[in-house]
Amino acid sequence: MKQNESYERHEEYLQCVEQSLIRDYLISDEDAQCMVRHSWFLESIRKNAEYIKHHRPEYWASELYRDYQLIRA
């Protein structure tokens, strides 16, 4: 499956994670989209969507934000 197909297939869930980053961590729209779509998360949802979607988007937003903070440290 190509990367663009992964976006389309899980678009609504990806957008929920992005919105959580924006709302809960005051990340800009552009940064939130980049954090979700250019990280391990997109590959993870492509490989195991059932597991990823078992957790609320807010959970993954917190994981992505934590990783973002570690990279910036």
N, C-alpha and C. Protein backbone atom coordinates (compact mmCIF):
# COMPACT_ATOMS: atom_id res chain seq x y z
N MET A 1 0.84 -1.17 0.00
CA MET A 1 0.00 0.00 0.00
C MET A 1 0.89 1.25 0.00
N LYS A 2 0.58 2.17 -0.86
CA LYS A 2 1.36 3.40 -0.95
C LYS A 2 1.01 4.32 0.21
N GLN A 3 1.92 5.25 0.50
CA GLN A 3 1.73 6.14 1.63
C GLN A 3 0.46 6.97 1.48
N ASN A 4 0.16 7.48 0.28
CA ASN A 4 -1.05 8.27 0.08
C ASN A 4 -2.31 7.47 0.38
N GLU A 5 -2.29 6.18 0.06
CA GLU A 5 -3.43 5.33 0.37
C GLU A 5 -3.61 5.21 1.88
N SER A 6 -2.52 5.19 2.62
CA SER A 6 -2.60 5.13 4.08
C SER A 6 -3.26 6.40 4.61
N TYR A 7 -2.92 7.55 4.04
CA TYR A 7 -3.55 8.80 4.45
C TYR A 7 -5.05 8.70 4.26
N GLU A 8 -5.47 8.33 3.07
CA GLU A 8 -6.88 8.31 2.74
C GLU A 8 -7.66 7.30 3.58
N ARG A 9 -7.09 6.15 3.78
CA ARG A 9 -7.77 5.08 4.50
C ARG A 9 -8.01 5.43 5.96
N HIS A 10 -7.12 6.19 6.55
CA HIS A 10 -7.20 6.52 7.97
C HIS A 10 -7.31 8.02 8.21
N GLU A 11 -7.73 8.75 7.21
CA GLU A 11 -7.73 10.21 7.26
C GLU A 11 -8.47 10.77 8.48
N GLU A 12 -9.65 10.28 8.76
CA GLU A 12 -10.43 10.82 9.86
C GLU A 12 -9.73 10.63 11.20
N TYR A 13 -9.16 9.45 11.41
CA TYR A 13 -8.46 9.19 12.67
C TYR A 13 -7.20 10.05 12.78
N LEU A 14 -6.45 10.16 11.68
CA LEU A 14 -5.25 10.99 11.67
C LEU A 14 -5.60 12.44 12.01
N GLN A 15 -6.69 12.92 11.46
CA GLN A 15 -7.11 14.30 11.73
C GLN A 15 -7.50 14.47 13.20
N CYS A 16 -8.09 13.45 13.80
CA CYS A 16 -8.42 13.53 15.23
C CYS A 16 -7.16 13.63 16.09
N VAL A 17 -6.14 12.89 15.73
CA VAL A 17 -4.87 12.98 16.47
C VAL A 17 -4.28 14.37 16.29
N GLU A 18 -4.30 14.88 15.06
CA GLU A 18 -3.79 16.23 14.80
C GLU A 18 -4.56 17.27 15.61
N GLN A 19 -5.88 17.15 15.64
CA GLN A 19 -6.69 18.12 16.38
C GLN A 19 -6.40 18.06 17.87
N SER A 20 -6.12 16.88 18.38
CA SER A 20 -5.76 16.76 19.79
C SER A 20 -4.43 17.46 20.07
N LEU A 21 -3.46 17.31 19.17
CA LEU A 21 -2.18 18.01 19.34
C LEU A 21 -2.39 19.52 19.35
N ILE A 22 -3.22 20.00 18.46
CA ILE A 22 -3.49 21.43 18.35
C ILE A 22 -4.18 21.94 19.62
N ARG A 23 -5.20 21.22 20.04
CA ARG A 23 -6.02 21.64 21.19
C ARG A 23 -5.29 21.47 22.52
N ASP A 24 -4.68 20.31 22.73
CA ASP A 24 -4.13 19.98 24.04
C ASP A 24 -2.70 20.45 24.26
N TYR A 25 -1.94 20.62 23.17
CA TYR A 25 -0.53 20.97 23.31
C TYR A 25 -0.16 22.27 22.60
N LEU A 26 -1.18 22.94 22.07
CA LEU A 26 -1.01 24.24 21.42
C LEU A 26 0.02 24.19 20.28
N ILE A 27 -0.03 23.10 19.52
CA ILE A 27 0.82 22.91 18.35
C ILE A 27 0.12 23.56 17.16
N SER A 28 0.86 24.18 16.28
CA SER A 28 0.24 24.77 15.09
C SER A 28 -0.33 23.68 14.20
N ASP A 29 -1.27 24.05 13.34
CA ASP A 29 -1.86 23.09 12.39
C ASP A 29 -0.78 22.39 11.58
N GLU A 30 0.13 23.19 11.05
CA GLU A 30 1.19 22.66 10.20
C GLU A 30 2.10 21.70 10.96
N ASP A 31 2.50 22.08 12.17
CA ASP A 31 3.36 21.22 12.98
C ASP A 31 2.65 19.93 13.39
N ALA A 32 1.38 20.03 13.73
CA ALA A 32 0.62 18.84 14.12
C ALA A 32 0.54 17.86 12.95
N GLN A 33 0.25 18.39 11.78
CA GLN A 33 0.17 17.52 10.60
C GLN A 33 1.52 16.87 10.33
N CYS A 34 2.58 17.62 10.44
CA CYS A 34 3.93 17.08 10.23
C CYS A 34 4.26 16.02 11.27
N MET A 35 3.92 16.27 12.53
CA MET A 35 4.21 15.31 13.59
C MET A 35 3.50 13.98 13.35
N VAL A 36 2.28 14.03 12.86
CA VAL A 36 1.50 12.81 12.64
C VAL A 36 1.95 12.09 11.37
N ARG A 37 2.15 12.82 10.32
CA ARG A 37 2.33 12.19 9.00
C ARG A 37 3.78 11.94 8.61
N HIS A 38 4.70 12.45 9.40
CA HIS A 38 6.11 12.23 9.11
C HIS A 38 6.82 11.60 10.31
N SER A 39 6.12 10.68 10.94
CA SER A 39 6.68 10.01 12.12
C SER A 39 6.37 8.53 12.04
N TRP A 40 6.73 7.84 13.09
CA TRP A 40 6.45 6.41 13.20
C TRP A 40 4.96 6.13 13.20
N PHE A 41 4.14 7.12 13.54
CA PHE A 41 2.72 6.89 13.71
C PHE A 41 2.02 6.44 12.44
N LEU A 42 2.33 7.06 11.33
CA LEU A 42 1.67 6.70 10.07
C LEU A 42 1.99 5.27 9.69
N GLU A 43 3.22 4.88 9.82
CA GLU A 43 3.60 3.49 9.52
C GLU A 43 2.91 2.53 10.48
N SER A 44 2.79 2.92 11.73
CA SER A 44 2.14 2.06 12.72
C SER A 44 0.67 1.85 12.40
N ILE A 45 -0.02 2.90 12.01
CA ILE A 45 -1.44 2.75 11.70
C ILE A 45 -1.63 1.93 10.42
N ARG A 46 -0.70 2.06 9.52
CA ARG A 46 -0.78 1.27 8.29
C ARG A 46 -0.59 -0.22 8.59
N LYS A 47 0.33 -0.52 9.47
CA LYS A 47 0.64 -1.92 9.78
C LYS A 47 -0.37 -2.56 10.72
N ASN A 48 -0.88 -1.78 11.67
CA ASN A 48 -1.75 -2.38 12.68
C ASN A 48 -2.83 -1.39 13.12
N ALA A 49 -3.72 -1.07 12.21
CA ALA A 49 -4.77 -0.09 12.48
C ALA A 49 -5.68 -0.51 13.63
N GLU A 50 -5.93 -1.79 13.75
CA GLU A 50 -6.81 -2.26 14.82
C GLU A 50 -6.24 -1.89 16.19
N TYR A 51 -4.96 -2.11 16.39
CA TYR A 51 -4.33 -1.75 17.66
C TYR A 51 -4.31 -0.23 17.85
N ILE A 52 -3.89 0.49 16.84
CA ILE A 52 -3.81 1.95 16.95
C ILE A 52 -5.17 2.54 17.28
N LYS A 53 -6.19 2.11 16.56
CA LYS A 53 -7.53 2.68 16.76
C LYS A 53 -8.21 2.17 18.02
N HIS A 54 -7.61 1.20 18.67
CA HIS A 54 -8.11 0.73 19.96
C HIS A 54 -7.94 1.82 21.02
N HIS A 55 -6.94 2.67 20.84
CA HIS A 55 -6.69 3.79 21.75
C HIS A 55 -7.32 5.06 21.19
N ARG A 56 -7.69 5.94 22.09
CA ARG A 56 -8.26 7.23 21.68
C ARG A 56 -7.18 8.09 21.01
N PRO A 57 -7.57 8.96 20.10
CA PRO A 57 -6.59 9.84 19.44
C PRO A 57 -5.77 10.66 20.43
N GLU A 58 -6.36 11.04 21.55
CA GLU A 58 -5.64 11.81 22.56
C GLU A 58 -4.45 11.05 23.13
N TYR A 59 -4.59 9.74 23.23
CA TYR A 59 -3.47 8.92 23.70
C TYR A 59 -2.29 9.04 22.75
N TRP A 60 -2.56 8.90 21.46
CA TRP A 60 -1.47 8.97 20.48
C TRP A 60 -0.91 10.37 20.37
N ALA A 61 -1.75 11.37 20.56
CA ALA A 61 -1.26 12.75 20.55
C ALA A 61 -0.26 12.94 21.69
N SER A 62 -0.56 12.38 22.85
CA SER A 62 0.37 12.53 23.98
C SER A 62 1.67 11.79 23.71
N GLU A 63 1.60 10.62 23.08
CA GLU A 63 2.81 9.87 22.73
C GLU A 63 3.66 10.64 21.70
N LEU A 64 3.01 11.18 20.70
CA LEU A 64 3.73 11.94 19.68
C LEU A 64 4.35 13.20 20.28
N TYR A 65 3.61 13.87 21.15
CA TYR A 65 4.13 15.08 21.77
C TYR A 65 5.33 14.76 22.67
N ARG A 66 5.23 13.67 23.41
CA ARG A 66 6.35 13.25 24.26
C ARG A 66 7.59 12.98 23.42
N ASP A 67 7.42 12.27 22.31
CA ASP A 67 8.56 12.01 21.41
C ASP A 67 9.11 13.31 20.85
N TYR A 68 8.24 14.22 20.49
CA TYR A 68 8.64 15.53 19.96
C TYR A 68 9.48 16.28 20.98
N GLN A 69 9.06 16.23 22.24
CA GLN A 69 9.81 16.90 23.31
C GLN A 69 11.18 16.25 23.49
N LEU A 70 11.26 14.95 23.40
CA LEU A 70 12.55 14.26 23.55
C LEU A 70 13.51 14.63 22.43
N ILE A 71 12.99 14.74 21.23
CA ILE A 71 13.83 15.10 20.08
C ILE A 71 14.36 16.52 20.23
N ARG A 72 13.53 17.41 20.73
CA ARG A 72 13.92 18.81 20.87
C ARG A 72 14.87 19.05 22.03
N ALA A 73 14.93 18.12 22.99
CA ALA A 73 15.76 18.31 24.19
C ALA A 73 17.23 18.26 23.87
